[in-house]
Amino acid sequence: MAEFHNAGYRGLYNGETADDIFKRKKLRYREDILDNMNEDELVANLFRINQTKQRLIRDNVKGEDNVRAVHYEVGKKVRKAIQDIGGMMPEEMPTPKKSLKELEREKKQLENREQEKLEEIK
């Protein structure tokens, strides 16, 4: 599955592979690229993933080479749409200071602290 997403990344990121993105974003081992995107970059990638899925299903695409080609082609088309609109290219978008997982962990900690405070009041 990763090789297919890699083809989609190459299309959307002007030839960059997942490894290239991982290095550019200076991610730690096993961090998820999608968890380390700003909102616009994440939306572009989720749109790419969804449209690829729809195309694979609709066209009943078979064979690894064909599936890989669809991932790449959809990534290129999403990139072109961003370009045509005048948007910032995904590889130019800043990496958030905190990953989605870090934000979720902090939110959970805050919720737990608030719950503890409520329990103390009771």
PDB file of N, CA and C in Angstrom:
ATOM      1  N   MET A   1       0.821  -1.198   0.000  1.00  0.00           N
ATOM      2  CA  MET A   1       0.000   0.000   0.000  1.00  0.00           C
ATOM      3  C   MET A   1       0.860   1.256   0.000  1.00  0.00           C
ATOM      4  N   ALA A   2       1.975   1.227   0.730  1.00  0.00           N
ATOM      5  CA  ALA A   2       2.843   2.405   0.817  1.00  0.00           C
ATOM      6  C   ALA A   2       3.380   2.808  -0.545  1.00  0.00           C
ATOM      7  N   GLU A   3       3.700   1.830  -1.387  1.00  0.00           N
ATOM      8  CA  GLU A   3       4.237   2.171  -2.709  1.00  0.00           C
ATOM      9  C   GLU A   3       3.204   2.913  -3.554  1.00  0.00           C
ATOM     10  N   PHE A   4       1.922   2.621  -3.352  1.00  0.00           N
ATOM     11  CA  PHE A   4       0.884   3.312  -4.115  1.00  0.00           C
ATOM     12  C   PHE A   4       0.740   4.754  -3.618  1.00  0.00           C
ATOM     13  N   HIS A   5       0.740   4.928  -2.290  1.00  0.00           N
ATOM     14  CA  HIS A   5       0.675   6.285  -1.737  1.00  0.00           C
ATOM     15  C   HIS A   5       1.912   7.074  -2.158  1.00  0.00           C
ATOM     16  N   ASN A   6       3.041   6.398  -2.239  1.00  0.00           N
ATOM     17  CA  ASN A   6       4.264   7.054  -2.668  1.00  0.00           C
ATOM     18  C   ASN A   6       4.099   7.610  -4.087  1.00  0.00           C
ATOM     19  N   ALA A   7       3.428   6.867  -4.941  1.00  0.00           N
ATOM     20  CA  ALA A   7       3.163   7.342  -6.304  1.00  0.00           C
ATOM     21  C   ALA A   7       2.271   8.584  -6.258  1.00  0.00           C
ATOM     22  N   GLY A   8       1.306   8.599  -5.358  1.00  0.00           N
ATOM     23  CA  GLY A   8       0.445   9.769  -5.188  1.00  0.00           C
ATOM     24  C   GLY A   8       1.221  10.970  -4.678  1.00  0.00           C
ATOM     25  N   TYR A   9       2.119  10.737  -3.720  1.00  0.00           N
ATOM     26  CA  TYR A   9       2.978  11.815  -3.235  1.00  0.00           C
ATOM     27  C   TYR A   9       3.827  12.367  -4.376  1.00  0.00           C
ATOM     28  N   ARG A  10       4.405  11.475  -5.184  1.00  0.00           N
ATOM     29  CA  ARG A  10       5.250  11.933  -6.299  1.00  0.00           C
ATOM     30  C   ARG A  10       4.459  12.836  -7.243  1.00  0.00           C
ATOM     31  N   GLY A  11       3.200  12.503  -7.478  1.00  0.00           N
ATOM     32  CA  GLY A  11       2.375  13.335  -8.343  1.00  0.00           C
ATOM     33  C   GLY A  11       2.065  14.685  -7.717  1.00  0.00           C
ATOM     34  N   LEU A  12       1.694  14.679  -6.448  1.00  0.00           N
ATOM     35  CA  LEU A  12       1.298  15.910  -5.763  1.00  0.00           C
ATOM     36  C   LEU A  12       2.488  16.786  -5.406  1.00  0.00           C
ATOM     37  N   TYR A  13       3.621  16.169  -5.074  1.00  0.00           N
ATOM     38  CA  TYR A  13       4.782  16.910  -4.584  1.00  0.00           C
ATOM     39  C   TYR A  13       5.879  17.051  -5.639  1.00  0.00           C
ATOM     40  N   ASN A  14       5.495  17.065  -6.892  1.00  0.00           N
ATOM     41  CA  ASN A  14       6.439  17.335  -7.986  1.00  0.00           C
ATOM     42  C   ASN A  14       7.638  16.386  -7.973  1.00  0.00           C
ATOM     43  N   GLY A  15       7.360  15.112  -7.765  1.00  0.00           N
ATOM     44  CA  GLY A  15       8.405  14.094  -7.818  1.00  0.00           C
ATOM     45  C   GLY A  15       8.941  13.643  -6.480  1.00  0.00           C
ATOM     46  N   GLU A  16       8.612  14.348  -5.395  1.00  0.00           N
ATOM     47  CA  GLU A  16       9.096  13.941  -4.072  1.00  0.00           C
ATOM     48  C   GLU A  16       8.440  12.646  -3.638  1.00  0.00           C
ATOM     49  N   THR A  17       9.226  11.767  -3.048  1.00  0.00           N
ATOM     50  CA  THR A  17       8.702  10.529  -2.479  1.00  0.00           C
ATOM     51  C   THR A  17       8.360  10.764  -1.010  1.00  0.00           C
ATOM     52  N   ALA A  18       7.755   9.773  -0.407  1.00  0.00           N
ATOM     53  CA  ALA A  18       7.447   9.864   1.026  1.00  0.00           C
ATOM     54  C   ALA A  18       8.728  10.083   1.819  1.00  0.00           C
ATOM     55  N   ASP A  19       9.831   9.405   1.436  1.00  0.00           N
ATOM     56  CA  ASP A  19      11.107   9.587   2.132  1.00  0.00           C
ATOM     57  C   ASP A  19      11.603  11.020   2.013  1.00  0.00           C
ATOM     58  N   ASP A  20      11.453  11.612   0.824  1.00  0.00           N
ATOM     59  CA  ASP A  20      11.868  13.006   0.632  1.00  0.00           C
ATOM     60  C   ASP A  20      11.072  13.939   1.541  1.00  0.00           C
ATOM     61  N   ILE A  21       9.770  13.715   1.594  1.00  0.00           N
ATOM     62  CA  ILE A  21       8.896  14.548   2.437  1.00  0.00           C
ATOM     63  C   ILE A  21       9.267  14.357   3.907  1.00  0.00           C
ATOM     64  N   PHE A  22       9.484  13.111   4.294  1.00  0.00           N
ATOM     65  CA  PHE A  22       9.861  12.766   5.665  1.00  0.00           C
ATOM     66  C   PHE A  22      11.123  13.521   6.071  1.00  0.00           C
ATOM     67  N   LYS A  23      12.120  13.525   5.189  1.00  0.00           N
ATOM     68  CA  LYS A  23      13.390  14.203   5.480  1.00  0.00           C
ATOM     69  C   LYS A  23      13.212  15.724   5.498  1.00  0.00           C
ATOM     70  N   ARG A  24      12.480  16.261   4.517  1.00  0.00           N
ATOM     71  CA  ARG A  24      12.287  17.705   4.444  1.00  0.00           C
ATOM     72  C   ARG A  24      11.581  18.229   5.689  1.00  0.00           C
ATOM     73  N   LYS A  25      10.615  17.454   6.180  1.00  0.00           N
ATOM     74  CA  LYS A  25       9.873  17.859   7.368  1.00  0.00           C
ATOM     75  C   LYS A  25      10.631  17.547   8.661  1.00  0.00           C
ATOM     76  N   LYS A  26      11.777  16.873   8.529  1.00  0.00           N
ATOM     77  CA  LYS A  26      12.614  16.504   9.681  1.00  0.00           C
ATOM     78  C   LYS A  26      11.826  15.709  10.714  1.00  0.00           C
ATOM     79  N   LEU A  27      11.115  14.706  10.234  1.00  0.00           N
ATOM     80  CA  LEU A  27      10.304  13.884  11.130  1.00  0.00           C
ATOM     81  C   LEU A  27      11.163  12.813  11.784  1.00  0.00           C
ATOM     82  N   ARG A  28      10.730  12.414  12.962  1.00  0.00           N
ATOM     83  CA  ARG A  28      11.406  11.339  13.677  1.00  0.00           C
ATOM     84  C   ARG A  28      10.928   9.991  13.140  1.00  0.00           C
ATOM     85  N   TYR A  29      11.718   8.982  13.408  1.00  0.00           N
ATOM     86  CA  TYR A  29      11.408   7.621  12.971  1.00  0.00           C
ATOM     87  C   TYR A  29       9.974   7.249  13.341  1.00  0.00           C
ATOM     88  N   ARG A  30       9.257   6.739  12.392  1.00  0.00           N
ATOM     89  CA  ARG A  30       7.893   6.225  12.539  1.00  0.00           C
ATOM     90  C   ARG A  30       6.823   7.299  12.731  1.00  0.00           C
ATOM     91  N   GLU A  31       7.173   8.571  12.592  1.00  0.00           N
ATOM     92  CA  GLU A  31       6.140   9.607  12.638  1.00  0.00           C
ATOM     93  C   GLU A  31       5.342   9.545  11.350  1.00  0.00           C
ATOM     94  N   ASP A  32       4.077   9.843  11.429  1.00  0.00           N
ATOM     95  CA  ASP A  32       3.204   9.820  10.265  1.00  0.00           C
ATOM     96  C   ASP A  32       3.266  11.164   9.548  1.00  0.00           C
ATOM     97  N   ILE A  33       3.510  11.113   8.248  1.00  0.00           N
ATOM     98  CA  ILE A  33       3.590  12.344   7.463  1.00  0.00           C
ATOM     99  C   ILE A  33       2.281  13.129   7.569  1.00  0.00           C
ATOM    100  N   LEU A  34       1.150  12.449   7.445  1.00  0.00           N
ATOM    101  CA  LEU A  34      -0.143  13.137   7.478  1.00  0.00           C
ATOM    102  C   LEU A  34      -0.386  13.843   8.809  1.00  0.00           C
ATOM    103  N   ASP A  35       0.181  13.325   9.886  1.00  0.00           N
ATOM    104  CA  ASP A  35       0.033  13.958  11.205  1.00  0.00           C
ATOM    105  C   ASP A  35       0.871  15.220  11.328  1.00  0.00           C
ATOM    106  N   ASN A  36       1.743  15.457  10.359  1.00  0.00           N
ATOM    107  CA  ASN A  36       2.662  16.585  10.416  1.00  0.00           C
ATOM    108  C   ASN A  36       2.472  17.534   9.243  1.00  0.00           C
ATOM    109  N   MET A  37       1.230  17.750   8.890  1.00  0.00           N
ATOM    110  CA  MET A  37       0.882  18.673   7.811  1.00  0.00           C
ATOM    111  C   MET A  37      -0.001  19.774   8.375  1.00  0.00           C
ATOM    112  N   ASN A  38       0.110  20.966   7.773  1.00  0.00           N
ATOM    113  CA  ASN A  38      -0.831  22.001   8.158  1.00  0.00           C
ATOM    114  C   ASN A  38      -2.179  21.686   7.498  1.00  0.00           C
ATOM    115  N   GLU A  39      -3.177  22.450   7.831  1.00  0.00           N
ATOM    116  CA  GLU A  39      -4.541  22.159   7.374  1.00  0.00           C
ATOM    117  C   GLU A  39      -4.639  22.084   5.853  1.00  0.00           C
ATOM    118  N   ASP A  40      -4.058  23.032   5.129  1.00  0.00           N
ATOM    119  CA  ASP A  40      -4.172  23.055   3.669  1.00  0.00           C
ATOM    120  C   ASP A  40      -3.489  21.862   3.026  1.00  0.00           C
ATOM    121  N   GLU A  41      -2.314  21.523   3.524  1.00  0.00           N
ATOM    122  CA  GLU A  41      -1.579  20.378   2.982  1.00  0.00           C
ATOM    123  C   GLU A  41      -2.326  19.081   3.264  1.00  0.00           C
ATOM    124  N   LEU A  42      -2.882  18.973   4.456  1.00  0.00           N
ATOM    125  CA  LEU A  42      -3.646  17.782   4.817  1.00  0.00           C
ATOM    126  C   LEU A  42      -4.885  17.637   3.937  1.00  0.00           C
ATOM    127  N   VAL A  43      -5.593  18.741   3.731  1.00  0.00           N
ATOM    128  CA  VAL A  43      -6.799  18.710   2.895  1.00  0.00           C
ATOM    129  C   VAL A  43      -6.446  18.266   1.476  1.00  0.00           C
ATOM    130  N   ALA A  44      -5.352  18.787   0.917  1.00  0.00           N
ATOM    131  CA  ALA A  44      -4.931  18.405  -0.435  1.00  0.00           C
ATOM    132  C   ALA A  44      -4.643  16.907  -0.497  1.00  0.00           C
ATOM    133  N   ASN A  45      -3.989  16.379   0.529  1.00  0.00           N
ATOM    134  CA  ASN A  45      -3.665  14.960   0.548  1.00  0.00           C
ATOM    135  C   ASN A  45      -4.894  14.084   0.754  1.00  0.00           C
ATOM    136  N   LEU A  46      -5.789  14.505   1.637  1.00  0.00           N
ATOM    137  CA  LEU A  46      -7.012  13.721   1.840  1.00  0.00           C
ATOM    138  C   LEU A  46      -7.874  13.732   0.575  1.00  0.00           C
ATOM    139  N   PHE A  47      -7.916  14.861  -0.109  1.00  0.00           N
ATOM    140  CA  PHE A  47      -8.639  14.952  -1.380  1.00  0.00           C
ATOM    141  C   PHE A  47      -8.003  14.009  -2.410  1.00  0.00           C
ATOM    142  N   ARG A  48      -6.671  14.021  -2.485  1.00  0.00           N
ATOM    143  CA  ARG A  48      -5.945  13.128  -3.403  1.00  0.00           C
ATOM    144  C   ARG A  48      -6.268  11.670  -3.093  1.00  0.00           C
ATOM    145  N   ILE A  49      -6.212  11.308  -1.838  1.00  0.00           N
ATOM    146  CA  ILE A  49      -6.470   9.921  -1.430  1.00  0.00           C
ATOM    147  C   ILE A  49      -7.898   9.515  -1.768  1.00  0.00           C
ATOM    148  N   ASN A  50      -8.853  10.386  -1.445  1.00  0.00           N
ATOM    149  CA  ASN A  50     -10.260  10.082  -1.707  1.00  0.00           C
ATOM    150  C   ASN A  50     -10.553   9.970  -3.198  1.00  0.00           C
ATOM    151  N   GLN A  51     -10.042  10.902  -3.976  1.00  0.00           N
ATOM    152  CA  GLN A  51     -10.305  10.872  -5.415  1.00  0.00           C
ATOM    153  C   GLN A  51      -9.633   9.677  -6.080  1.00  0.00           C
ATOM    154  N   THR A  52      -8.475   9.281  -5.570  1.00  0.00           N
ATOM    155  CA  THR A  52      -7.808   8.085  -6.087  1.00  0.00           C
ATOM    156  C   THR A  52      -8.671   6.855  -5.818  1.00  0.00           C
ATOM    157  N   LYS A  53      -9.174   6.760  -4.594  1.00  0.00           N
ATOM    158  CA  LYS A  53     -10.045   5.625  -4.236  1.00  0.00           C
ATOM    159  C   LYS A  53     -11.263   5.577  -5.142  1.00  0.00           C
ATOM    160  N   GLN A  54     -11.891   6.734  -5.325  1.00  0.00           N
ATOM    161  CA  GLN A  54     -13.081   6.787  -6.183  1.00  0.00           C
ATOM    162  C   GLN A  54     -12.766   6.345  -7.605  1.00  0.00           C
ATOM    163  N   ARG A  55     -11.648   6.798  -8.131  1.00  0.00           N
ATOM    164  CA  ARG A  55     -11.253   6.448  -9.500  1.00  0.00           C
ATOM    165  C   ARG A  55     -10.936   4.960  -9.620  1.00  0.00           C
ATOM    166  N   LEU A  56     -10.239   4.406  -8.642  1.00  0.00           N
ATOM    167  CA  LEU A  56      -9.900   2.979  -8.673  1.00  0.00           C
ATOM    168  C   LEU A  56     -11.161   2.123  -8.663  1.00  0.00           C
ATOM    169  N   ILE A  57     -12.134   2.526  -7.854  1.00  0.00           N
ATOM    170  CA  ILE A  57     -13.396   1.783  -7.768  1.00  0.00           C
ATOM    171  C   ILE A  57     -14.213   1.962  -9.044  1.00  0.00           C
ATOM    172  N   ARG A  58     -14.394   3.212  -9.448  1.00  0.00           N
ATOM    173  CA  ARG A  58     -15.229   3.511 -10.613  1.00  0.00           C
ATOM    174  C   ARG A  58     -14.712   2.827 -11.876  1.00  0.00           C
ATOM    175  N   ASP A  59     -13.400   2.880 -12.083  1.00  0.00           N
ATOM    176  CA  ASP A  59     -12.810   2.327 -13.302  1.00  0.00           C
ATOM    177  C   ASP A  59     -12.382   0.871 -13.146  1.00  0.00           C
ATOM    178  N   ASN A  60     -12.627   0.298 -11.962  1.00  0.00           N
ATOM    179  CA  ASN A  60     -12.281  -1.092 -11.684  1.00  0.00           C
ATOM    180  C   ASN A  60     -10.839  -1.392 -12.100  1.00  0.00           C
ATOM    181  N   VAL A  61      -9.930  -0.558 -11.631  1.00  0.00           N
ATOM    182  CA  VAL A  61      -8.525  -0.652 -12.014  1.00  0.00           C
ATOM    183  C   VAL A  61      -7.901  -1.907 -11.417  1.00  0.00           C
ATOM    184  N   LYS A  62      -7.211  -2.652 -12.251  1.00  0.00           N
ATOM    185  CA  LYS A  62      -6.552  -3.901 -11.834  1.00  0.00           C
ATOM    186  C   LYS A  62      -5.066  -3.824 -12.167  1.00  0.00           C
ATOM    187  N   GLY A  63      -4.266  -4.521 -11.405  1.00  0.00           N
ATOM    188  CA  GLY A  63      -2.833  -4.607 -11.657  1.00  0.00           C
ATOM    189  C   GLY A  63      -2.064  -3.504 -10.965  1.00  0.00           C
ATOM    190  N   GLU A  64      -0.948  -3.900 -10.348  1.00  0.00           N
ATOM    191  CA  GLU A  64      -0.155  -2.953  -9.562  1.00  0.00           C
ATOM    192  C   GLU A  64       0.307  -1.751 -10.372  1.00  0.00           C
ATOM    193  N   ASP A  65       0.774  -1.965 -11.586  1.00  0.00           N
ATOM    194  CA  ASP A  65       1.260  -0.855 -12.409  1.00  0.00           C
ATOM    195  C   ASP A  65       0.139   0.131 -12.709  1.00  0.00           C
ATOM    196  N   ASN A  66      -1.049  -0.375 -13.000  1.00  0.00           N
ATOM    197  CA  ASN A  66      -2.191   0.495 -13.296  1.00  0.00           C
ATOM    198  C   ASN A  66      -2.636   1.272 -12.053  1.00  0.00           C
ATOM    199  N   VAL A  67      -2.653   0.589 -10.913  1.00  0.00           N
ATOM    200  CA  VAL A  67      -3.042   1.242  -9.659  1.00  0.00           C
ATOM    201  C   VAL A  67      -2.043   2.346  -9.315  1.00  0.00           C
ATOM    202  N   ARG A  68      -0.758   2.031  -9.449  1.00  0.00           N
ATOM    203  CA  ARG A  68       0.294   3.018  -9.183  1.00  0.00           C
ATOM    204  C   ARG A  68       0.140   4.224 -10.107  1.00  0.00           C
ATOM    205  N   ALA A  69      -0.163   3.961 -11.377  1.00  0.00           N
ATOM    206  CA  ALA A  69      -0.330   5.045 -12.352  1.00  0.00           C
ATOM    207  C   ALA A  69      -1.501   5.951 -11.985  1.00  0.00           C
ATOM    208  N   VAL A  70      -2.595   5.373 -11.498  1.00  0.00           N
ATOM    209  CA  VAL A  70      -3.757   6.173 -11.088  1.00  0.00           C
ATOM    210  C   VAL A  70      -3.391   7.038  -9.887  1.00  0.00           C
ATOM    211  N   HIS A  71      -2.694   6.475  -8.911  1.00  0.00           N
ATOM    212  CA  HIS A  71      -2.260   7.260  -7.750  1.00  0.00           C
ATOM    213  C   HIS A  71      -1.436   8.463  -8.207  1.00  0.00           C
ATOM    214  N   TYR A  72      -0.484   8.228  -9.107  1.00  0.00           N
ATOM    215  CA  TYR A  72       0.375   9.306  -9.593  1.00  0.00           C
ATOM    216  C   TYR A  72      -0.438  10.344 -10.369  1.00  0.00           C
ATOM    217  N   GLU A  73      -1.281   9.881 -11.266  1.00  0.00           N
ATOM    218  CA  GLU A  73      -2.072  10.780 -12.113  1.00  0.00           C
ATOM    219  C   GLU A  73      -2.997  11.676 -11.292  1.00  0.00           C
ATOM    220  N   VAL A  74      -3.677  11.099 -10.316  1.00  0.00           N
ATOM    221  CA  VAL A  74      -4.572  11.900  -9.472  1.00  0.00           C
ATOM    222  C   VAL A  74      -3.760  12.919  -8.677  1.00  0.00           C
ATOM    223  N   GLY A  75      -2.604  12.507  -8.157  1.00  0.00           N
ATOM    224  CA  GLY A  75      -1.734  13.447  -7.448  1.00  0.00           C
ATOM    225  C   GLY A  75      -1.334  14.611  -8.335  1.00  0.00           C
ATOM    226  N   LYS A  76      -0.993  14.324  -9.592  1.00  0.00           N
ATOM    227  CA  LYS A  76      -0.620  15.379 -10.542  1.00  0.00           C
ATOM    228  C   LYS A  76      -1.785  16.325 -10.803  1.00  0.00           C
ATOM    229  N   LYS A  77      -2.991  15.763 -10.926  1.00  0.00           N
ATOM    230  CA  LYS A  77      -4.168  16.598 -11.213  1.00  0.00           C
ATOM    231  C   LYS A  77      -4.518  17.489 -10.020  1.00  0.00           C
ATOM    232  N   VAL A  78      -4.374  16.971  -8.814  1.00  0.00           N
ATOM    233  CA  VAL A  78      -4.624  17.789  -7.624  1.00  0.00           C
ATOM    234  C   VAL A  78      -3.583  18.906  -7.572  1.00  0.00           C
ATOM    235  N   ARG A  79      -2.332  18.579  -7.871  1.00  0.00           N
ATOM    236  CA  ARG A  79      -1.277  19.596  -7.908  1.00  0.00           C
ATOM    237  C   ARG A  79      -1.609  20.671  -8.933  1.00  0.00           C
ATOM    238  N   LYS A  80      -2.041  20.265 -10.118  1.00  0.00           N
ATOM    239  CA  LYS A  80      -2.369  21.219 -11.178  1.00  0.00           C
ATOM    240  C   LYS A  80      -3.522  22.120 -10.758  1.00  0.00           C
ATOM    241  N   ALA A  81      -4.520  21.537 -10.083  1.00  0.00           N
ATOM    242  CA  ALA A  81      -5.654  22.344  -9.607  1.00  0.00           C
ATOM    243  C   ALA A  81      -5.166  23.411  -8.625  1.00  0.00           C
ATOM    244  N   ILE A  82      -4.292  23.027  -7.705  1.00  0.00           N
ATOM    245  CA  ILE A  82      -3.742  23.984  -6.738  1.00  0.00           C
ATOM    246  C   ILE A  82      -2.982  25.076  -7.486  1.00  0.00           C
ATOM    247  N   GLN A  83      -2.185  24.661  -8.453  1.00  0.00           N
ATOM    248  CA  GLN A  83      -1.401  25.598  -9.249  1.00  0.00           C
ATOM    249  C   GLN A  83      -2.308  26.552 -10.027  1.00  0.00           C
ATOM    250  N   ASP A  84      -3.344  26.007 -10.677  1.00  0.00           N
ATOM    251  CA  ASP A  84      -4.266  26.823 -11.473  1.00  0.00           C
ATOM    252  C   ASP A  84      -5.000  27.859 -10.625  1.00  0.00           C
ATOM    253  N   ILE A  85      -5.301  27.492  -9.392  1.00  0.00           N
ATOM    254  CA  ILE A  85      -6.004  28.388  -8.476  1.00  0.00           C
ATOM    255  C   ILE A  85      -5.051  29.449  -7.924  1.00  0.00           C
ATOM    256  N   GLY A  86      -3.764  29.152  -7.983  1.00  0.00           N
ATOM    257  CA  GLY A  86      -2.770  30.083  -7.459  1.00  0.00           C
ATOM    258  C   GLY A  86      -2.403  29.798  -6.022  1.00  0.00           C
ATOM    259  N   GLY A  87      -2.693  28.586  -5.576  1.00  0.00           N
ATOM    260  CA  GLY A  87      -2.392  28.221  -4.199  1.00  0.00           C
ATOM    261  C   GLY A  87      -0.936  27.887  -3.981  1.00  0.00           C
ATOM    262  N   MET A  88      -0.572  27.740  -2.726  1.00  0.00           N
ATOM    263  CA  MET A  88       0.786  27.361  -2.363  1.00  0.00           C
ATOM    264  C   MET A  88       0.977  25.872  -2.621  1.00  0.00           C
ATOM    265  N   MET A  89       2.083  25.524  -3.223  1.00  0.00           N
ATOM    266  CA  MET A  89       2.385  24.126  -3.499  1.00  0.00           C
ATOM    267  C   MET A  89       2.643  23.384  -2.188  1.00  0.00           C
ATOM    268  N   PRO A  90       2.216  22.132  -2.109  1.00  0.00           N
ATOM    269  CA  PRO A  90       2.335  21.376  -0.850  1.00  0.00           C
ATOM    270  C   PRO A  90       3.747  21.355  -0.261  1.00  0.00           C
ATOM    271  N   GLU A  91       4.749  21.235  -1.121  1.00  0.00           N
ATOM    272  CA  GLU A  91       6.122  21.162  -0.607  1.00  0.00           C
ATOM    273  C   GLU A  91       6.610  22.503  -0.058  1.00  0.00           C
ATOM    274  N   GLU A  92       5.891  23.575  -0.318  1.00  0.00           N
ATOM    275  CA  GLU A  92       6.250  24.895   0.204  1.00  0.00           C
ATOM    276  C   GLU A  92       5.528  25.210   1.518  1.00  0.00           C
ATOM    277  N   MET A  93       4.557  24.392   1.880  1.00  0.00           N
ATOM    278  CA  MET A  93       3.772  24.665   3.080  1.00  0.00           C
ATOM    279  C   MET A  93       4.586  24.343   4.329  1.00  0.00           C
ATOM    280  N   PRO A  94       4.467  25.185   5.341  1.00  0.00           N
ATOM    281  CA  PRO A  94       5.247  24.953   6.562  1.00  0.00           C
ATOM    282  C   PRO A  94       4.734  23.739   7.338  1.00  0.00           C
ATOM    283  N   THR A  95       5.663  23.099   8.017  1.00  0.00           N
ATOM    284  CA  THR A  95       5.310  21.982   8.895  1.00  0.00           C
ATOM    285  C   THR A  95       4.892  22.559  10.239  1.00  0.00           C
ATOM    286  N   PRO A  96       3.753  22.140  10.761  1.00  0.00           N
ATOM    287  CA  PRO A  96       3.330  22.654  12.075  1.00  0.00           C
ATOM    288  C   PRO A  96       4.363  22.331  13.159  1.00  0.00           C
ATOM    289  N   LYS A  97       4.418  23.176  14.180  1.00  0.00           N
ATOM    290  CA  LYS A  97       5.366  22.948  15.277  1.00  0.00           C
ATOM    291  C   LYS A  97       5.029  21.668  16.045  1.00  0.00           C
ATOM    292  N   LYS A  98       3.743  21.342  16.114  1.00  0.00           N
ATOM    293  CA  LYS A  98       3.314  20.137  16.826  1.00  0.00           C
ATOM    294  C   LYS A  98       2.511  19.253  15.882  1.00  0.00           C
ATOM    295  N   SER A  99       2.717  17.949  15.996  1.00  0.00           N
ATOM    296  CA  SER A  99       1.972  17.001  15.170  1.00  0.00           C
ATOM    297  C   SER A  99       0.546  16.858  15.696  1.00  0.00           C
ATOM    298  N   LEU A 100      -0.288  16.291  14.887  1.00  0.00           N
ATOM    299  CA  LEU A 100      -1.673  16.039  15.289  1.00  0.00           C
ATOM    300  C   LEU A 100      -1.713  15.153  16.528  1.00  0.00           C
ATOM    301  N   LYS A 101      -0.868  14.144  16.583  1.00  0.00           N
ATOM    302  CA  LYS A 101      -0.826  13.243  17.740  1.00  0.00           C
ATOM    303  C   LYS A 101      -0.433  14.006  19.010  1.00  0.00           C
ATOM    304  N   GLU A 102       0.533  14.921  18.902  1.00  0.00           N
ATOM    305  CA  GLU A 102       0.932  15.728  20.062  1.00  0.00           C
ATOM    306  C   GLU A 102      -0.225  16.604  20.532  1.00  0.00           C
ATOM    307  N   LEU A 103      -0.922  17.223  19.601  1.00  0.00           N
ATOM    308  CA  LEU A 103      -2.072  18.061  19.950  1.00  0.00           C
ATOM    309  C   LEU A 103      -3.180  17.247  20.607  1.00  0.00           C
ATOM    310  N   GLU A 104      -3.428  16.055  20.079  1.00  0.00           N
ATOM    311  CA  GLU A 104      -4.455  15.185  20.671  1.00  0.00           C
ATOM    312  C   GLU A 104      -4.073  14.780  22.086  1.00  0.00           C
ATOM    313  N   ARG A 105      -2.787  14.471  22.296  1.00  0.00           N
ATOM    314  CA  ARG A 105      -2.298  14.086  23.624  1.00  0.00           C
ATOM    315  C   ARG A 105      -2.467  15.253  24.604  1.00  0.00           C
ATOM    316  N   GLU A 106      -2.101  16.455  24.172  1.00  0.00           N
ATOM    317  CA  GLU A 106      -2.250  17.638  25.030  1.00  0.00           C
ATOM    318  C   GLU A 106      -3.715  17.909  25.351  1.00  0.00           C
ATOM    319  N   LYS A 107      -4.573  17.745  24.365  1.00  0.00           N
ATOM    320  CA  LYS A 107      -6.013  17.953  24.588  1.00  0.00           C
ATOM    321  C   LYS A 107      -6.531  16.963  25.628  1.00  0.00           C
ATOM    322  N   LYS A 108      -6.116  15.719  25.500  1.00  0.00           N
ATOM    323  CA  LYS A 108      -6.551  14.682  26.443  1.00  0.00           C
ATOM    324  C   LYS A 108      -6.063  15.007  27.856  1.00  0.00           C
ATOM    325  N   GLN A 109      -4.822  15.489  27.968  1.00  0.00           N
ATOM    326  CA  GLN A 109      -4.288  15.862  29.282  1.00  0.00           C
ATOM    327  C   GLN A 109      -5.087  16.999  29.896  1.00  0.00           C
ATOM    328  N   LEU A 110      -5.425  17.999  29.081  1.00  0.00           N
ATOM    329  CA  LEU A 110      -6.235  19.123  29.572  1.00  0.00           C
ATOM    330  C   LEU A 110      -7.612  18.649  30.017  1.00  0.00           C
ATOM    331  N   GLU A 111      -8.217  17.780  29.236  1.00  0.00           N
ATOM    332  CA  GLU A 111      -9.535  17.248  29.596  1.00  0.00           C
ATOM    333  C   GLU A 111      -9.459  16.479  30.903  1.00  0.00           C
ATOM    334  N   ASN A 112      -8.396  15.703  31.085  1.00  0.00           N
ATOM    335  CA  ASN A 112      -8.233  14.938  32.323  1.00  0.00           C
ATOM    336  C   ASN A 112      -8.063  15.864  33.525  1.00  0.00           C
ATOM    337  N   ARG A 113      -7.272  16.937  33.345  1.00  0.00           N
ATOM    338  CA  ARG A 113      -7.086  17.902  34.427  1.00  0.00           C
ATOM    339  C   ARG A 113      -8.401  18.586  34.792  1.00  0.00           C
ATOM    340  N   GLU A 114      -9.156  18.957  33.788  1.00  0.00           N
ATOM    341  CA  GLU A 114     -10.452  19.592  34.025  1.00  0.00           C
ATOM    342  C   GLU A 114     -11.397  18.632  34.753  1.00  0.00           C
ATOM    343  N   GLN A 115     -11.371  17.383  34.355  1.00  0.00           N
ATOM    344  CA  GLN A 115     -12.219  16.380  35.014  1.00  0.00           C
ATOM    345  C   GLN A 115     -11.817  16.210  36.476  1.00  0.00           C
ATOM    346  N   GLU A 116     -10.506  16.203  36.729  1.00  0.00           N
ATOM    347  CA  GLU A 116     -10.017  16.084  38.103  1.00  0.00           C
ATOM    348  C   GLU A 116     -10.475  17.273  38.948  1.00  0.00           C
ATOM    349  N   LYS A 117     -10.421  18.468  38.376  1.00  0.00           N
ATOM    350  CA  LYS A 117     -10.860  19.671  39.087  1.00  0.00           C
ATOM    351  C   LYS A 117     -12.345  19.570  39.428  1.00  0.00           C
ATOM    352  N   LEU A 118     -13.138  19.091  38.474  1.00  0.00           N
ATOM    353  CA  LEU A 118     -14.566  18.928  38.708  1.00  0.00           C
ATOM    354  C   LEU A 118     -14.835  17.916  39.817  1.00  0.00           C
ATOM    355  N   GLU A 119     -14.047  16.863  39.837  1.00  0.00           N
ATOM    356  CA  GLU A 119     -14.203  15.831  40.872  1.00  0.00           C
ATOM    357  C   GLU A 119     -13.869  16.405  42.261  1.00  0.00           C
ATOM    358  N   GLU A 120     -12.862  17.261  42.310  1.00  0.00           N
ATOM    359  CA  GLU A 120     -12.476  17.881  43.581  1.00  0.00           C
ATOM    360  C   GLU A 120     -13.579  18.785  44.109  1.00  0.00           C
ATOM    361  N   ILE A 121     -14.272  19.451  43.229  1.00  0.00           N
ATOM    362  CA  ILE A 121     -15.345  20.377  43.625  1.00  0.00           C
ATOM    363  C   ILE A 121     -16.520  19.623  44.205  1.00  0.00           C
ATOM    364  N   LYS A 122     -16.790  18.441  43.716  1.00  0.00           N
ATOM    365  CA  LYS A 122     -17.947  17.663  44.159  1.00  0.00           C
ATOM    366  C   LYS A 122     -17.863  17.200  45.550  1.00  0.00           C
TER     367      LYS A 122
END
